[in-house]
Amino acid sequence: MLPMREPYGEKNVERVKRSNMEVNPIAETVPHSYQKDYKVQSVSKAPDNKYKVTDTIYMVVTYDRNGKLDQSTNIRYLDYII
């Protein structure tokens, strides 16, 4: 006669109950993002005794995703002649 087997996944394990063990509730995390704009301006000589002004605008977004900081940068250019 074969010995009886326990059902799959079940084992006889003695569990120890600790009365002084507390678990803090999980705090909901709200993602935070921060945006900062930077502007760099350059001037160069253009034909016909004029000047070309180039504004380079950087929009940097820093955000917290599950405790990890990530960063995204968007760059725009604005050229004009004076």
N, C-alpha and C. Protein backbone atom coordinates (compact mmCIF):
# COMPACT_ATOMS: atom_id res chain seq x y z
N MET A 1 0.85 -1.17 0.00
CA MET A 1 0.00 0.00 0.00
C MET A 1 0.90 1.24 0.00
N LEU A 2 0.57 2.22 -0.85
CA LEU A 2 1.34 3.45 -0.97
C LEU A 2 0.95 4.42 0.14
N PRO A 3 1.96 5.22 0.61
CA PRO A 3 1.60 6.23 1.62
C PRO A 3 0.74 7.32 1.00
N MET A 4 -0.13 7.95 1.82
CA MET A 4 -1.00 9.01 1.32
C MET A 4 -0.16 10.26 1.04
N ARG A 5 -0.41 10.86 -0.07
CA ARG A 5 0.29 12.10 -0.43
C ARG A 5 -0.60 13.28 -0.11
N GLU A 6 0.07 14.38 0.24
CA GLU A 6 -0.68 15.61 0.50
C GLU A 6 -1.10 16.22 -0.83
N PRO A 7 -2.21 16.94 -0.84
CA PRO A 7 -2.64 17.61 -2.08
C PRO A 7 -1.55 18.58 -2.56
N TYR A 8 -1.52 18.80 -3.85
CA TYR A 8 -0.51 19.66 -4.47
C TYR A 8 -0.52 21.03 -3.82
N GLY A 9 0.65 21.51 -3.42
CA GLY A 9 0.79 22.84 -2.87
C GLY A 9 0.58 22.92 -1.37
N GLU A 10 0.06 21.90 -0.75
CA GLU A 10 -0.15 21.95 0.69
C GLU A 10 0.93 21.15 1.40
N LYS A 11 1.41 21.69 2.49
CA LYS A 11 2.43 21.00 3.28
C LYS A 11 2.09 21.19 4.74
N ASN A 12 2.49 20.27 5.55
CA ASN A 12 2.31 20.43 6.99
C ASN A 12 3.45 21.28 7.50
N VAL A 13 3.14 22.52 7.80
CA VAL A 13 4.13 23.46 8.29
C VAL A 13 3.61 24.04 9.58
N GLU A 14 4.44 24.02 10.59
CA GLU A 14 4.03 24.61 11.86
C GLU A 14 4.20 26.12 11.76
N ARG A 15 3.14 26.82 11.97
CA ARG A 15 3.17 28.27 11.88
C ARG A 15 3.34 28.86 13.27
N VAL A 16 4.25 29.84 13.34
CA VAL A 16 4.51 30.51 14.60
C VAL A 16 3.80 31.85 14.56
N LYS A 17 2.96 32.10 15.54
CA LYS A 17 2.24 33.36 15.59
C LYS A 17 2.98 34.31 16.52
N ARG A 18 3.31 35.45 15.99
CA ARG A 18 3.99 36.47 16.78
C ARG A 18 3.02 37.60 17.02
N SER A 19 2.75 37.86 18.26
CA SER A 19 1.76 38.88 18.58
C SER A 19 2.33 40.29 18.49
N ASN A 20 3.65 40.44 18.52
CA ASN A 20 4.22 41.78 18.50
C ASN A 20 4.58 42.26 17.10
N MET A 21 4.23 41.50 16.08
CA MET A 21 4.57 41.87 14.72
C MET A 21 3.45 42.72 14.12
N GLU A 22 3.80 43.92 13.66
CA GLU A 22 2.84 44.82 13.04
C GLU A 22 3.31 45.15 11.63
N VAL A 23 2.38 45.34 10.77
CA VAL A 23 2.69 45.71 9.40
C VAL A 23 2.06 47.08 9.15
N ASN A 24 2.89 48.01 8.71
CA ASN A 24 2.39 49.34 8.39
C ASN A 24 1.62 49.29 7.08
N PRO A 25 0.53 50.03 6.99
CA PRO A 25 -0.21 50.05 5.73
C PRO A 25 0.63 50.70 4.63
N ILE A 26 0.39 50.28 3.41
CA ILE A 26 1.12 50.83 2.27
C ILE A 26 0.55 52.21 1.96
N ALA A 27 1.44 53.18 1.92
CA ALA A 27 1.02 54.55 1.61
C ALA A 27 0.90 54.71 0.11
N GLU A 28 -0.17 55.34 -0.31
CA GLU A 28 -0.33 55.58 -1.74
C GLU A 28 0.69 56.63 -2.19
N THR A 29 1.32 56.37 -3.30
CA THR A 29 2.30 57.32 -3.82
C THR A 29 1.70 58.08 -4.98
N VAL A 30 1.87 59.37 -4.94
CA VAL A 30 1.38 60.23 -6.01
C VAL A 30 2.59 60.68 -6.81
N PRO A 31 2.62 60.41 -8.12
CA PRO A 31 3.77 60.82 -8.92
C PRO A 31 3.92 62.35 -8.91
N HIS A 32 5.14 62.79 -8.82
CA HIS A 32 5.44 64.21 -8.85
C HIS A 32 6.25 64.51 -10.10
N SER A 33 6.01 65.68 -10.68
CA SER A 33 6.83 66.11 -11.82
C SER A 33 7.17 67.58 -11.64
N TYR A 34 8.33 67.93 -12.14
CA TYR A 34 8.82 69.29 -12.05
C TYR A 34 9.28 69.72 -13.43
N GLN A 35 8.93 70.94 -13.82
CA GLN A 35 9.30 71.45 -15.14
C GLN A 35 10.12 72.71 -14.96
N LYS A 36 11.20 72.80 -15.70
CA LYS A 36 12.07 73.98 -15.66
C LYS A 36 12.43 74.34 -17.09
N ASP A 37 12.29 75.61 -17.45
CA ASP A 37 12.65 76.08 -18.78
C ASP A 37 13.97 76.84 -18.72
N TYR A 38 14.83 76.57 -19.70
CA TYR A 38 16.11 77.26 -19.83
C TYR A 38 16.16 77.89 -21.21
N LYS A 39 16.77 79.06 -21.31
CA LYS A 39 16.86 79.74 -22.60
C LYS A 39 18.30 80.18 -22.83
N VAL A 40 18.82 79.86 -24.01
CA VAL A 40 20.16 80.27 -24.42
C VAL A 40 19.99 81.09 -25.69
N GLN A 41 20.61 82.26 -25.71
CA GLN A 41 20.47 83.14 -26.87
C GLN A 41 21.84 83.36 -27.50
N SER A 42 21.88 83.23 -28.83
CA SER A 42 23.14 83.48 -29.55
C SER A 42 22.86 84.45 -30.69
N VAL A 43 23.87 85.24 -31.02
CA VAL A 43 23.76 86.24 -32.08
C VAL A 43 24.88 86.00 -33.07
N SER A 44 24.53 86.03 -34.35
CA SER A 44 25.55 85.87 -35.39
C SER A 44 25.29 86.90 -36.50
N LYS A 45 26.34 87.19 -37.23
CA LYS A 45 26.25 88.16 -38.32
C LYS A 45 25.50 87.55 -39.49
N ALA A 46 24.59 88.32 -40.07
CA ALA A 46 23.82 87.88 -41.23
C ALA A 46 24.15 88.81 -42.40
N PRO A 47 23.79 88.43 -43.64
CA PRO A 47 24.04 89.30 -44.79
C PRO A 47 23.29 90.64 -44.67
N ASP A 48 23.69 91.59 -45.46
CA ASP A 48 23.06 92.92 -45.53
C ASP A 48 23.18 93.69 -44.21
N ASN A 49 24.29 93.49 -43.50
CA ASN A 49 24.57 94.23 -42.27
C ASN A 49 23.50 94.02 -41.19
N LYS A 50 22.96 92.82 -41.12
CA LYS A 50 21.95 92.48 -40.12
C LYS A 50 22.50 91.39 -39.20
N TYR A 51 21.72 91.08 -38.17
CA TYR A 51 22.12 90.04 -37.21
C TYR A 51 21.02 88.99 -37.09
N LYS A 52 21.46 87.74 -36.96
CA LYS A 52 20.53 86.63 -36.75
C LYS A 52 20.59 86.26 -35.27
N VAL A 53 19.45 86.29 -34.63
CA VAL A 53 19.36 85.92 -33.21
C VAL A 53 18.69 84.56 -33.14
N THR A 54 19.30 83.64 -32.42
CA THR A 54 18.75 82.30 -32.24
C THR A 54 18.50 82.07 -30.76
N ASP A 55 17.25 81.82 -30.42
CA ASP A 55 16.90 81.43 -29.05
C ASP A 55 16.74 79.92 -29.03
N THR A 56 17.47 79.26 -28.15
CA THR A 56 17.32 77.83 -27.93
C THR A 56 16.64 77.66 -26.58
N ILE A 57 15.48 77.04 -26.59
CA ILE A 57 14.67 76.90 -25.38
C ILE A 57 14.63 75.41 -25.00
N TYR A 58 15.09 75.12 -23.80
CA TYR A 58 15.10 73.75 -23.28
C TYR A 58 14.00 73.64 -22.22
N MET A 59 13.12 72.68 -22.38
CA MET A 59 12.10 72.41 -21.36
C MET A 59 12.46 71.05 -20.74
N VAL A 60 12.88 71.06 -19.50
CA VAL A 60 13.32 69.84 -18.82
C VAL A 60 12.25 69.44 -17.82
N VAL A 61 11.75 68.21 -17.95
CA VAL A 61 10.75 67.68 -17.03
C VAL A 61 11.39 66.53 -16.26
N THR A 62 11.39 66.65 -14.95
CA THR A 62 11.88 65.58 -14.08
C THR A 62 10.68 65.01 -13.34
N TYR A 63 10.55 63.69 -13.36
CA TYR A 63 9.40 63.09 -12.70
C TYR A 63 9.82 61.83 -11.96
N ASP A 64 9.03 61.53 -10.94
CA ASP A 64 9.28 60.38 -10.08
C ASP A 64 8.30 59.28 -10.48
N ARG A 65 8.86 58.16 -10.94
CA ARG A 65 8.02 57.03 -11.31
C ARG A 65 8.41 55.85 -10.42
N ASN A 66 7.57 55.53 -9.45
CA ASN A 66 7.79 54.43 -8.51
C ASN A 66 9.14 54.55 -7.81
N GLY A 67 9.48 55.74 -7.37
CA GLY A 67 10.71 55.95 -6.63
C GLY A 67 11.94 56.14 -7.48
N LYS A 68 11.80 56.10 -8.80
CA LYS A 68 12.94 56.28 -9.70
C LYS A 68 12.77 57.59 -10.45
N LEU A 69 13.80 58.44 -10.42
CA LEU A 69 13.72 59.72 -11.12
C LEU A 69 14.05 59.52 -12.59
N ASP A 70 13.19 60.05 -13.44
CA ASP A 70 13.41 60.04 -14.88
C ASP A 70 13.38 61.48 -15.36
N GLN A 71 13.97 61.70 -16.53
CA GLN A 71 14.07 63.07 -17.05
C GLN A 71 13.77 63.07 -18.54
N SER A 72 13.08 64.10 -18.98
CA SER A 72 12.77 64.27 -20.39
C SER A 72 13.09 65.71 -20.79
N THR A 73 13.68 65.89 -21.97
CA THR A 73 14.05 67.23 -22.42
C THR A 73 13.46 67.48 -23.80
N ASN A 74 12.84 68.64 -23.96
CA ASN A 74 12.30 69.07 -25.23
C ASN A 74 13.06 70.34 -25.63
N ILE A 75 13.52 70.41 -26.88
CA ILE A 75 14.31 71.54 -27.34
C ILE A 75 13.57 72.23 -28.49
N ARG A 76 13.47 73.57 -28.39
CA ARG A 76 12.85 74.37 -29.46
C ARG A 76 13.82 75.47 -29.87
N TYR A 77 13.74 75.85 -31.13
CA TYR A 77 14.60 76.93 -31.66
C TYR A 77 13.70 78.04 -32.20
N LEU A 78 14.13 79.27 -31.97
CA LEU A 78 13.43 80.44 -32.50
C LEU A 78 14.49 81.35 -33.11
N ASP A 79 14.42 81.53 -34.43
CA ASP A 79 15.37 82.39 -35.16
C ASP A 79 14.67 83.63 -35.64
N TYR A 80 15.34 84.75 -35.55
CA TYR A 80 14.82 85.98 -36.14
C TYR A 80 15.97 86.91 -36.52
N ILE A 81 15.70 87.78 -37.48
CA ILE A 81 16.71 88.71 -38.02
C ILE A 81 16.40 90.11 -37.52
N ILE A 82 17.44 90.81 -37.04
CA ILE A 82 17.26 92.20 -36.62
C ILE A 82 18.23 93.09 -37.37
